[in-house]
């Protein structure tokens, strides 16, 4: 009996690839989404899995990706919004948005929205890779989502990861009654390449011998993602909830701000034109 269809973004390396490997071993039908053609194709060939390419710094590529997924997969059981990273100096995409905001939040928001009819019809799970950076640095200002006034790489990343968690809260509020279930999680500080563009202190953690002391492996982080993707909402994790390294936890305080979640949803929808 074929497994469920699980779409994983950011699946060309790191925890996305690790989760895909485990889920494929367990018999699930994994669909890989990545930015790098060679690396994404390599993981797909290893697993015998289909793959799609999209650079989340270009929203037209996200729209094309959504169309491809809807055409190829009549049912999607799990959408794992995993792609993202912390950036370096402030830059603006061709769409006119600060890069960290777009890649980490606006692009997955748009992808999820475009897939919603299929996700709701399949009573799917949406798993968002967030971070405790949401607690440490997340201070969303709806009048300055792109951090034009006070940009720092870690603040922009914290804001985006907080946005991921707030998206889960509002997604659950709007569509939970229709059978959709969403969860945000912090995988731990994973030894991957995701912080390579920044000169911030986080680069020292990720790219020096310090990482052996302070980080976990992609396989460990990918295991947490795979557990949520394979799990049953309401049994293995709470819909609309927050999980840290495999354990249900108290979310960052701002994640409980349901009014902020609603207003962020409306602002995000206006920005991406849905």
C-alpha atoms as a PDB file:
ATOM      1  CA  UNK A   1       0.000   0.000   0.000  1.00  0.00           C
ATOM      2  CA  UNK A   2       1.567   3.321  -1.037  1.00  0.00           C
ATOM      3  CA  UNK A   3       2.387   5.801   1.685  1.00  0.00           C
ATOM      4  CA  UNK A   4       1.095   9.299   2.102  1.00  0.00           C
ATOM      5  CA  UNK A   5       2.279  12.172  -0.083  1.00  0.00           C
ATOM      6  CA  UNK A   6       4.581  14.433   1.937  1.00  0.00           C
ATOM      7  CA  UNK A   7       5.925  17.609   0.320  1.00  0.00           C
ATOM      8  CA  UNK A   8       9.115  18.914   1.947  1.00  0.00           C
ATOM      9  CA  UNK A   9      10.619  22.278   1.028  1.00  0.00           C
ATOM     10  CA  UNK A  10      14.282  22.940   1.677  1.00  0.00           C
ATOM     11  CA  UNK A  11      14.863  19.256   0.956  1.00  0.00           C
ATOM     12  CA  UNK A  12      18.171  19.431  -0.908  1.00  0.00           C
ATOM     13  CA  UNK A  13      20.234  19.231   2.282  1.00  0.00           C
ATOM     14  CA  UNK A  14      20.104  19.679   6.049  1.00  0.00           C
ATOM     15  CA  UNK A  15      17.107  18.569   8.042  1.00  0.00           C
ATOM     16  CA  UNK A  16      14.839  18.576   4.997  1.00  0.00           C
ATOM     17  CA  UNK A  17      16.950  15.964   3.221  1.00  0.00           C
ATOM     18  CA  UNK A  18      17.409  13.987   6.442  1.00  0.00           C
ATOM     19  CA  UNK A  19      13.656  13.939   7.077  1.00  0.00           C
ATOM     20  CA  UNK A  20      12.998  12.901   3.484  1.00  0.00           C
ATOM     21  CA  UNK A  21      15.423   9.989   3.791  1.00  0.00           C
ATOM     22  CA  UNK A  22      13.776   8.691   6.932  1.00  0.00           C
ATOM     23  CA  UNK A  23      10.237   9.101   5.671  1.00  0.00           C
ATOM     24  CA  UNK A  24      11.129   7.378   2.394  1.00  0.00           C
ATOM     25  CA  UNK A  25      12.594   4.452   4.334  1.00  0.00           C
ATOM     26  CA  UNK A  26       9.312   4.220   6.217  1.00  0.00           C
ATOM     27  CA  UNK A  27       7.368   3.901   2.978  1.00  0.00           C
ATOM     28  CA  UNK A  28       6.038   7.432   2.610  1.00  0.00           C
ATOM     29  CA  UNK A  29       5.904   9.115  -0.790  1.00  0.00           C
ATOM     30  CA  UNK A  30       8.167  12.106  -0.352  1.00  0.00           C
ATOM     31  CA  UNK A  31       8.162  15.007  -2.788  1.00  0.00           C
ATOM     32  CA  UNK A  32      11.296  17.124  -2.626  1.00  0.00           C
ATOM     33  CA  UNK A  33      11.414  20.863  -3.202  1.00  0.00           C
ATOM     34  CA  UNK A  34      14.767  22.623  -3.377  1.00  0.00           C
ATOM     35  CA  UNK A  35      16.507  25.650  -4.781  1.00  0.00           C
ATOM     36  CA  UNK A  36      19.760  24.076  -6.004  1.00  0.00           C
ATOM     37  CA  UNK A  37      19.172  21.914  -9.107  1.00  0.00           C
ATOM     38  CA  UNK A  38      22.149  19.582  -8.670  1.00  0.00           C
ATOM     39  CA  UNK A  39      21.735  18.938  -4.954  1.00  0.00           C
ATOM     40  CA  UNK A  40      17.969  18.520  -5.160  1.00  0.00           C
ATOM     41  CA  UNK A  41      18.282  16.116  -8.078  1.00  0.00           C
ATOM     42  CA  UNK A  42      20.953  14.138  -6.227  1.00  0.00           C
ATOM     43  CA  UNK A  43      18.762  13.588  -3.164  1.00  0.00           C
ATOM     44  CA  UNK A  44      15.804  12.759  -5.395  1.00  0.00           C
ATOM     45  CA  UNK A  45      17.849  10.180  -7.322  1.00  0.00           C
ATOM     46  CA  UNK A  46      19.077   8.646  -4.071  1.00  0.00           C
ATOM     47  CA  UNK A  47      15.510   8.189  -2.853  1.00  0.00           C
ATOM     48  CA  UNK A  48      13.815   7.538  -6.175  1.00  0.00           C
ATOM     49  CA  UNK A  49      11.558  10.472  -5.348  1.00  0.00           C
ATOM     50  CA  UNK A  50      10.039  13.226  -7.484  1.00  0.00           C
ATOM     51  CA  UNK A  51      11.450  16.707  -7.091  1.00  0.00           C
ATOM     52  CA  UNK A  52      10.608  20.290  -7.972  1.00  0.00           C
ATOM     53  CA  UNK A  53      12.738  23.425  -8.083  1.00  0.00           C
ATOM     54  CA  UNK A  54      11.897  26.852  -6.702  1.00  0.00           C
ATOM     55  CA  UNK A  55      13.898  29.782  -5.394  1.00  0.00           C
ATOM     56  CA  UNK A  56      11.789  31.339  -2.656  1.00  0.00           C
ATOM     57  CA  UNK A  57      13.461  34.693  -3.322  1.00  0.00           C
ATOM     58  CA  UNK A  58      11.226  34.869  -6.423  1.00  0.00           C
ATOM     59  CA  UNK A  59       7.506  34.639  -5.759  1.00  0.00           C
ATOM     60  CA  UNK A  60       6.725  33.788  -9.372  1.00  0.00           C
ATOM     61  CA  UNK A  61       8.741  30.604  -8.842  1.00  0.00           C
ATOM     62  CA  UNK A  62       6.593  29.842  -5.797  1.00  0.00           C
ATOM     63  CA  UNK A  63       3.452  30.324  -7.878  1.00  0.00           C
ATOM     64  CA  UNK A  64       4.840  28.028 -10.561  1.00  0.00           C
ATOM     65  CA  UNK A  65       5.771  25.473  -7.906  1.00  0.00           C
ATOM     66  CA  UNK A  66       2.245  25.486  -6.496  1.00  0.00           C
ATOM     67  CA  UNK A  67       0.805  24.930  -9.966  1.00  0.00           C
ATOM     68  CA  UNK A  68       3.188  22.008 -10.542  1.00  0.00           C
ATOM     69  CA  UNK A  69       2.291  20.405  -7.220  1.00  0.00           C
ATOM     70  CA  UNK A  70      -1.439  20.785  -7.769  1.00  0.00           C
ATOM     71  CA  UNK A  71      -1.128  19.269 -11.225  1.00  0.00           C
ATOM     72  CA  UNK A  72       1.059  16.349 -10.132  1.00  0.00           C
ATOM     73  CA  UNK A  73      -0.500  15.386  -6.791  1.00  0.00           C
ATOM     74  CA  UNK A  74      -4.295  15.251  -6.457  1.00  0.00           C
ATOM     75  CA  UNK A  75      -3.810  14.648  -2.739  1.00  0.00           C
ATOM     76  CA  UNK A  76      -1.169  16.136  -0.427  1.00  0.00           C
ATOM     77  CA  UNK A  77      -1.169  14.679   3.068  1.00  0.00           C
ATOM     78  CA  UNK A  78       1.612  16.761   4.608  1.00  0.00           C
ATOM     79  CA  UNK A  79       3.203  20.067   3.633  1.00  0.00           C
ATOM     80  CA  UNK A  80       6.477  20.640   5.475  1.00  0.00           C
ATOM     81  CA  UNK A  81       7.385  24.316   5.184  1.00  0.00           C
ATOM     82  CA  UNK A  82      11.061  23.859   5.983  1.00  0.00           C
ATOM     83  CA  UNK A  83      12.984  26.105   3.573  1.00  0.00           C
ATOM     84  CA  UNK A  84      14.640  29.191   5.018  1.00  0.00           C
ATOM     85  CA  UNK A  85      17.721  30.646   6.608  1.00  0.00           C
ATOM     86  CA  UNK A  86      19.370  33.635   8.222  1.00  0.00           C
ATOM     87  CA  UNK A  87      20.801  36.172   5.777  1.00  0.00           C
ATOM     88  CA  UNK A  88      23.637  38.672   5.835  1.00  0.00           C
ATOM     89  CA  UNK A  89      23.423  42.397   5.082  1.00  0.00           C
ATOM     90  CA  UNK A  90      19.957  43.643   4.277  1.00  0.00           C
ATOM     91  CA  UNK A  91      18.898  43.038   0.691  1.00  0.00           C
ATOM     92  CA  UNK A  92      15.652  43.316  -1.229  1.00  0.00           C
ATOM     93  CA  UNK A  93      14.301  40.714  -3.651  1.00  0.00           C
ATOM     94  CA  UNK A  94      13.030  41.396  -7.145  1.00  0.00           C
ATOM     95  CA  UNK A  95       9.548  41.299  -5.602  1.00  0.00           C
ATOM     96  CA  UNK A  96      10.486  44.274  -3.418  1.00  0.00           C
ATOM     97  CA  UNK A  97      10.627  42.530  -0.035  1.00  0.00           C
ATOM     98  CA  UNK A  98      13.435  42.111   2.464  1.00  0.00           C
ATOM     99  CA  UNK A  99      15.035  38.781   1.622  1.00  0.00           C
ATOM    100  CA  UNK A 100      14.771  37.147   5.067  1.00  0.00           C
ATOM    101  CA  UNK A 101      11.074  37.992   5.304  1.00  0.00           C
ATOM    102  CA  UNK A 102      10.306  36.689   1.836  1.00  0.00           C
ATOM    103  CA  UNK A 103      12.287  33.446   1.897  1.00  0.00           C
ATOM    104  CA  UNK A 104      11.294  32.431   5.426  1.00  0.00           C
ATOM    105  CA  UNK A 105       7.715  33.698   5.640  1.00  0.00           C
ATOM    106  CA  UNK A 106       6.079  35.254   2.592  1.00  0.00           C
ATOM    107  CA  UNK A 107       7.055  32.447   0.203  1.00  0.00           C
ATOM    108  CA  UNK A 108       5.799  29.579   2.410  1.00  0.00           C
ATOM    109  CA  UNK A 109       2.711  31.639   3.272  1.00  0.00           C
ATOM    110  CA  UNK A 110       1.972  32.002  -0.441  1.00  0.00           C
ATOM    111  CA  UNK A 111       2.695  28.340  -1.188  1.00  0.00           C
ATOM    112  CA  UNK A 112       0.419  27.182   1.621  1.00  0.00           C
ATOM    113  CA  UNK A 113      -2.360  29.514   0.500  1.00  0.00           C
ATOM    114  CA  UNK A 114      -2.189  28.315  -3.106  1.00  0.00           C
ATOM    115  CA  UNK A 115      -2.305  24.675  -1.986  1.00  0.00           C
ATOM    116  CA  UNK A 116      -5.112  25.215   0.541  1.00  0.00           C
ATOM    117  CA  UNK A 117      -7.979  23.635  -1.425  1.00  0.00           C
ATOM    118  CA  UNK A 118      -6.010  20.403  -1.816  1.00  0.00           C
ATOM    119  CA  UNK A 119      -4.678  20.506   1.737  1.00  0.00           C
ATOM    120  CA  UNK A 120      -8.128  21.022   3.233  1.00  0.00           C
ATOM    121  CA  UNK A 121      -9.702  18.362   1.022  1.00  0.00           C
ATOM    122  CA  UNK A 122      -7.094  15.860   2.207  1.00  0.00           C
ATOM    123  CA  UNK A 123      -7.327  16.894   5.870  1.00  0.00           C
ATOM    124  CA  UNK A 124      -3.598  17.497   5.629  1.00  0.00           C
ATOM    125  CA  UNK A 125      -0.983  18.467   8.174  1.00  0.00           C
ATOM    126  CA  UNK A 126       1.158  21.578   7.740  1.00  0.00           C
ATOM    127  CA  UNK A 127       4.471  21.426   9.604  1.00  0.00           C
ATOM    128  CA  UNK A 128       6.434  24.675   9.901  1.00  0.00           C
ATOM    129  CA  UNK A 129      10.113  24.739  10.803  1.00  0.00           C
ATOM    130  CA  UNK A 130      10.380  27.658  13.211  1.00  0.00           C
ATOM    131  CA  UNK A 131      13.067  28.405  15.803  1.00  0.00           C
ATOM    132  CA  UNK A 132      13.598  29.617  19.347  1.00  0.00           C
ATOM    133  CA  UNK A 133      14.949  32.690  17.550  1.00  0.00           C
ATOM    134  CA  UNK A 134      11.273  33.679  17.563  1.00  0.00           C
ATOM    135  CA  UNK A 135      11.511  33.934  21.331  1.00  0.00           C
ATOM    136  CA  UNK A 136      14.933  35.553  21.497  1.00  0.00           C
ATOM    137  CA  UNK A 137      14.674  38.114  18.704  1.00  0.00           C
ATOM    138  CA  UNK A 138      11.148  38.094  17.270  1.00  0.00           C
ATOM    139  CA  UNK A 139       9.512  41.517  17.631  1.00  0.00           C
ATOM    140  CA  UNK A 140       7.214  41.905  14.646  1.00  0.00           C
ATOM    141  CA  UNK A 141       6.262  45.457  13.689  1.00  0.00           C
ATOM    142  CA  UNK A 142       3.479  45.303  11.125  1.00  0.00           C
ATOM    143  CA  UNK A 143       4.395  48.816   9.998  1.00  0.00           C
ATOM    144  CA  UNK A 144       7.980  47.711   9.298  1.00  0.00           C
ATOM    145  CA  UNK A 145       7.865  44.023   8.369  1.00  0.00           C
ATOM    146  CA  UNK A 146      10.984  44.425   6.248  1.00  0.00           C
ATOM    147  CA  UNK A 147      12.989  45.979   9.088  1.00  0.00           C
ATOM    148  CA  UNK A 148      13.910  49.053   7.078  1.00  0.00           C
ATOM    149  CA  UNK A 149      14.425  51.076  10.248  1.00  0.00           C
ATOM    150  CA  UNK A 150      16.428  48.658  12.382  1.00  0.00           C
ATOM    151  CA  UNK A 151      17.697  45.731  10.373  1.00  0.00           C
ATOM    152  CA  UNK A 152      19.951  43.163  11.973  1.00  0.00           C
ATOM    153  CA  UNK A 153      20.268  39.655  10.538  1.00  0.00           C
ATOM    154  CA  UNK A 154      19.268  37.979  13.774  1.00  0.00           C
ATOM    155  CA  UNK A 155      16.257  40.263  14.308  1.00  0.00           C
ATOM    156  CA  UNK A 156      15.020  39.724  10.761  1.00  0.00           C
ATOM    157  CA  UNK A 157      15.383  35.977  11.239  1.00  0.00           C
ATOM    158  CA  UNK A 158      13.663  36.050  14.626  1.00  0.00           C
ATOM    159  CA  UNK A 159      10.786  38.042  13.147  1.00  0.00           C
ATOM    160  CA  UNK A 160      10.431  35.567  10.281  1.00  0.00           C
ATOM    161  CA  UNK A 161      10.460  32.552  12.605  1.00  0.00           C
ATOM    162  CA  UNK A 162       7.862  34.237  14.810  1.00  0.00           C
ATOM    163  CA  UNK A 163       5.832  34.827  11.651  1.00  0.00           C
ATOM    164  CA  UNK A 164       6.033  31.093  10.873  1.00  0.00           C
ATOM    165  CA  UNK A 165       4.563  30.239  14.265  1.00  0.00           C
ATOM    166  CA  UNK A 166       1.868  32.919  14.008  1.00  0.00           C
ATOM    167  CA  UNK A 167       0.965  31.602  10.566  1.00  0.00           C
ATOM    168  CA  UNK A 168       0.402  28.178  12.134  1.00  0.00           C
ATOM    169  CA  UNK A 169      -1.845  29.676  14.814  1.00  0.00           C
ATOM    170  CA  UNK A 170      -4.008  31.530  12.308  1.00  0.00           C
ATOM    171  CA  UNK A 171      -4.022  28.653   9.822  1.00  0.00           C
ATOM    172  CA  UNK A 172      -5.337  26.403  12.566  1.00  0.00           C
ATOM    173  CA  UNK A 173      -7.961  28.954  13.624  1.00  0.00           C
ATOM    174  CA  UNK A 174      -9.247  29.414  10.090  1.00  0.00           C
ATOM    175  CA  UNK A 175      -9.117  25.862   8.785  1.00  0.00           C
ATOM    176  CA  UNK A 176      -8.882  23.551  11.780  1.00  0.00           C
ATOM    177  CA  UNK A 177     -12.628  23.076  11.699  1.00  0.00           C
ATOM    178  CA  UNK A 178     -12.276  21.778   8.140  1.00  0.00           C
ATOM    179  CA  UNK A 179      -9.824  19.090   9.193  1.00  0.00           C
ATOM    180  CA  UNK A 180      -6.523  20.840   8.510  1.00  0.00           C
ATOM    181  CA  UNK A 181      -3.928  20.607  11.288  1.00  0.00           C
ATOM    182  CA  UNK A 182      -0.816  22.764  11.644  1.00  0.00           C
ATOM    183  CA  UNK A 183       2.142  22.781  14.005  1.00  0.00           C
ATOM    184  CA  UNK A 184       5.341  24.810  14.406  1.00  0.00           C
ATOM    185  CA  UNK A 185       8.537  23.343  15.784  1.00  0.00           C
ATOM    186  CA  UNK A 186      12.067  24.215  16.820  1.00  0.00           C
ATOM    187  CA  UNK A 187      14.439  21.433  15.731  1.00  0.00           C
ATOM    188  CA  UNK A 188      17.388  22.595  17.823  1.00  0.00           C
ATOM    189  CA  UNK A 189      20.500  24.341  16.549  1.00  0.00           C
ATOM    190  CA  UNK A 190      21.344  22.110  13.621  1.00  0.00           C
ATOM    191  CA  UNK A 191      24.822  21.819  12.095  1.00  0.00           C
ATOM    192  CA  UNK A 192      23.883  22.827   8.546  1.00  0.00           C
ATOM    193  CA  UNK A 193      24.906  25.523   6.059  1.00  0.00           C
ATOM    194  CA  UNK A 194      21.830  27.673   6.570  1.00  0.00           C
ATOM    195  CA  UNK A 195      23.662  30.599   8.252  1.00  0.00           C
ATOM    196  CA  UNK A 196      26.466  30.787   5.713  1.00  0.00           C
ATOM    197  CA  UNK A 197      25.422  34.189   4.359  1.00  0.00           C
ATOM    198  CA  UNK A 198      25.637  36.051   7.648  1.00  0.00           C
ATOM    199  CA  UNK A 199      28.631  37.537   9.430  1.00  0.00           C
ATOM    200  CA  UNK A 200      26.725  37.458  12.698  1.00  0.00           C
ATOM    201  CA  UNK A 201      27.845  35.518  15.771  1.00  0.00           C
ATOM    202  CA  UNK A 202      25.613  32.675  14.588  1.00  0.00           C
ATOM    203  CA  UNK A 203      28.123  32.064  11.805  1.00  0.00           C
ATOM    204  CA  UNK A 204      30.704  31.243  14.467  1.00  0.00           C
ATOM    205  CA  UNK A 205      28.342  28.696  15.945  1.00  0.00           C
ATOM    206  CA  UNK A 206      27.599  27.053  12.614  1.00  0.00           C
ATOM    207  CA  UNK A 207      30.957  27.216  10.869  1.00  0.00           C
ATOM    208  CA  UNK A 208      33.698  26.782  13.473  1.00  0.00           C
ATOM    209  CA  UNK A 209      34.622  23.984  15.895  1.00  0.00           C
ATOM    210  CA  UNK A 210      32.097  25.513  18.332  1.00  0.00           C
ATOM    211  CA  UNK A 211      29.334  23.785  16.432  1.00  0.00           C
ATOM    212  CA  UNK A 212      30.323  20.385  17.794  1.00  0.00           C
ATOM    213  CA  UNK A 213      29.481  21.608  21.268  1.00  0.00           C
ATOM    214  CA  UNK A 214      26.412  23.680  20.465  1.00  0.00           C
ATOM    215  CA  UNK A 215      24.618  21.952  17.590  1.00  0.00           C
ATOM    216  CA  UNK A 216      22.842  18.721  16.746  1.00  0.00           C
ATOM    217  CA  UNK A 217      23.178  16.743  13.521  1.00  0.00           C
ATOM    218  CA  UNK A 218      20.890  17.169  10.519  1.00  0.00           C
ATOM    219  CA  UNK A 219      19.736  13.600  11.139  1.00  0.00           C
ATOM    220  CA  UNK A 220      18.609  14.506  14.652  1.00  0.00           C
ATOM    221  CA  UNK A 221      16.814  17.645  13.482  1.00  0.00           C
ATOM    222  CA  UNK A 222      15.365  15.821  10.501  1.00  0.00           C
ATOM    223  CA  UNK A 223      14.098  13.152  12.853  1.00  0.00           C
ATOM    224  CA  UNK A 224      12.000  15.724  14.691  1.00  0.00           C
ATOM    225  CA  UNK A 225      10.546  16.927  11.391  1.00  0.00           C
ATOM    226  CA  UNK A 226       9.860  13.356  10.276  1.00  0.00           C
ATOM    227  CA  UNK A 227       8.155  12.550  13.584  1.00  0.00           C
ATOM    228  CA  UNK A 228       5.725  15.430  13.120  1.00  0.00           C
ATOM    229  CA  UNK A 229       5.099  14.620   9.459  1.00  0.00           C
ATOM    230  CA  UNK A 230       4.418  10.981  10.298  1.00  0.00           C
ATOM    231  CA  UNK A 231       2.455  11.730  13.463  1.00  0.00           C
ATOM    232  CA  UNK A 232      -1.264  11.982  14.034  1.00  0.00           C
ATOM    233  CA  UNK A 233      -2.559  15.466  14.925  1.00  0.00           C
ATOM    234  CA  UNK A 234      -4.311  15.504  18.274  1.00  0.00           C
ATOM    235  CA  UNK A 235      -2.514  12.328  19.311  1.00  0.00           C
ATOM    236  CA  UNK A 236       1.181  12.896  18.675  1.00  0.00           C
ATOM    237  CA  UNK A 237       1.104  16.694  18.632  1.00  0.00           C
ATOM    238  CA  UNK A 238      -1.411  19.453  19.339  1.00  0.00           C
ATOM    239  CA  UNK A 239      -2.948  21.203  16.318  1.00  0.00           C
ATOM    240  CA  UNK A 240      -1.913  24.845  16.383  1.00  0.00           C
ATOM    241  CA  UNK A 241       0.819  23.958  18.863  1.00  0.00           C
ATOM    242  CA  UNK A 242       4.543  24.374  19.371  1.00  0.00           C
ATOM    243  CA  UNK A 243       7.111  21.576  19.674  1.00  0.00           C
ATOM    244  CA  UNK A 244      10.762  21.880  20.705  1.00  0.00           C
ATOM    245  CA  UNK A 245      13.124  19.049  19.835  1.00  0.00           C
ATOM    246  CA  UNK A 246      10.401  16.456  19.865  1.00  0.00           C
ATOM    247  CA  UNK A 247       8.541  17.657  22.947  1.00  0.00           C
ATOM    248  CA  UNK A 248       5.389  19.729  23.188  1.00  0.00           C
ATOM    249  CA  UNK A 249       6.445  23.002  24.788  1.00  0.00           C
ATOM    250  CA  UNK A 250       5.191  26.428  25.787  1.00  0.00           C
ATOM    251  CA  UNK A 251       5.500  28.635  22.690  1.00  0.00           C
ATOM    252  CA  UNK A 252       7.226  32.015  22.650  1.00  0.00           C
ATOM    253  CA  UNK A 253       4.895  34.501  24.379  1.00  0.00           C
ATOM    254  CA  UNK A 254       4.107  36.484  21.227  1.00  0.00           C
ATOM    255  CA  UNK A 255       2.837  33.346  19.508  1.00  0.00           C
ATOM    256  CA  UNK A 256      -0.156  33.509  21.853  1.00  0.00           C
ATOM    257  CA  UNK A 257      -1.153  36.911  20.423  1.00  0.00           C
ATOM    258  CA  UNK A 258      -4.083  35.805  18.285  1.00  0.00           C
ATOM    259  CA  UNK A 259      -4.818  39.365  17.178  1.00  0.00           C
ATOM    260  CA  UNK A 260      -1.250  39.721  15.897  1.00  0.00           C
ATOM    261  CA  UNK A 261      -1.606  36.378  14.099  1.00  0.00           C
ATOM    262  CA  UNK A 262      -4.767  37.585  12.374  1.00  0.00           C
ATOM    263  CA  UNK A 263      -3.303  40.946  11.392  1.00  0.00           C
ATOM    264  CA  UNK A 264      -0.075  39.355  10.146  1.00  0.00           C
ATOM    265  CA  UNK A 265      -2.112  36.967   7.991  1.00  0.00           C
ATOM    266  CA  UNK A 266      -4.027  39.876   6.464  1.00  0.00           C
ATOM    267  CA  UNK A 267      -0.835  41.881   5.888  1.00  0.00           C
ATOM    268  CA  UNK A 268       0.952  38.901   4.340  1.00  0.00           C
ATOM    269  CA  UNK A 269      -1.978  38.125   2.055  1.00  0.00           C
ATOM    270  CA  UNK A 270      -2.001  41.717   0.837  1.00  0.00           C
ATOM    271  CA  UNK A 271       1.752  41.677   0.189  1.00  0.00           C
ATOM    272  CA  UNK A 272       1.713  38.499  -1.906  1.00  0.00           C
ATOM    273  CA  UNK A 273      -1.562  39.338  -3.624  1.00  0.00           C
ATOM    274  CA  UNK A 274      -3.919  36.605  -2.463  1.00  0.00           C
END
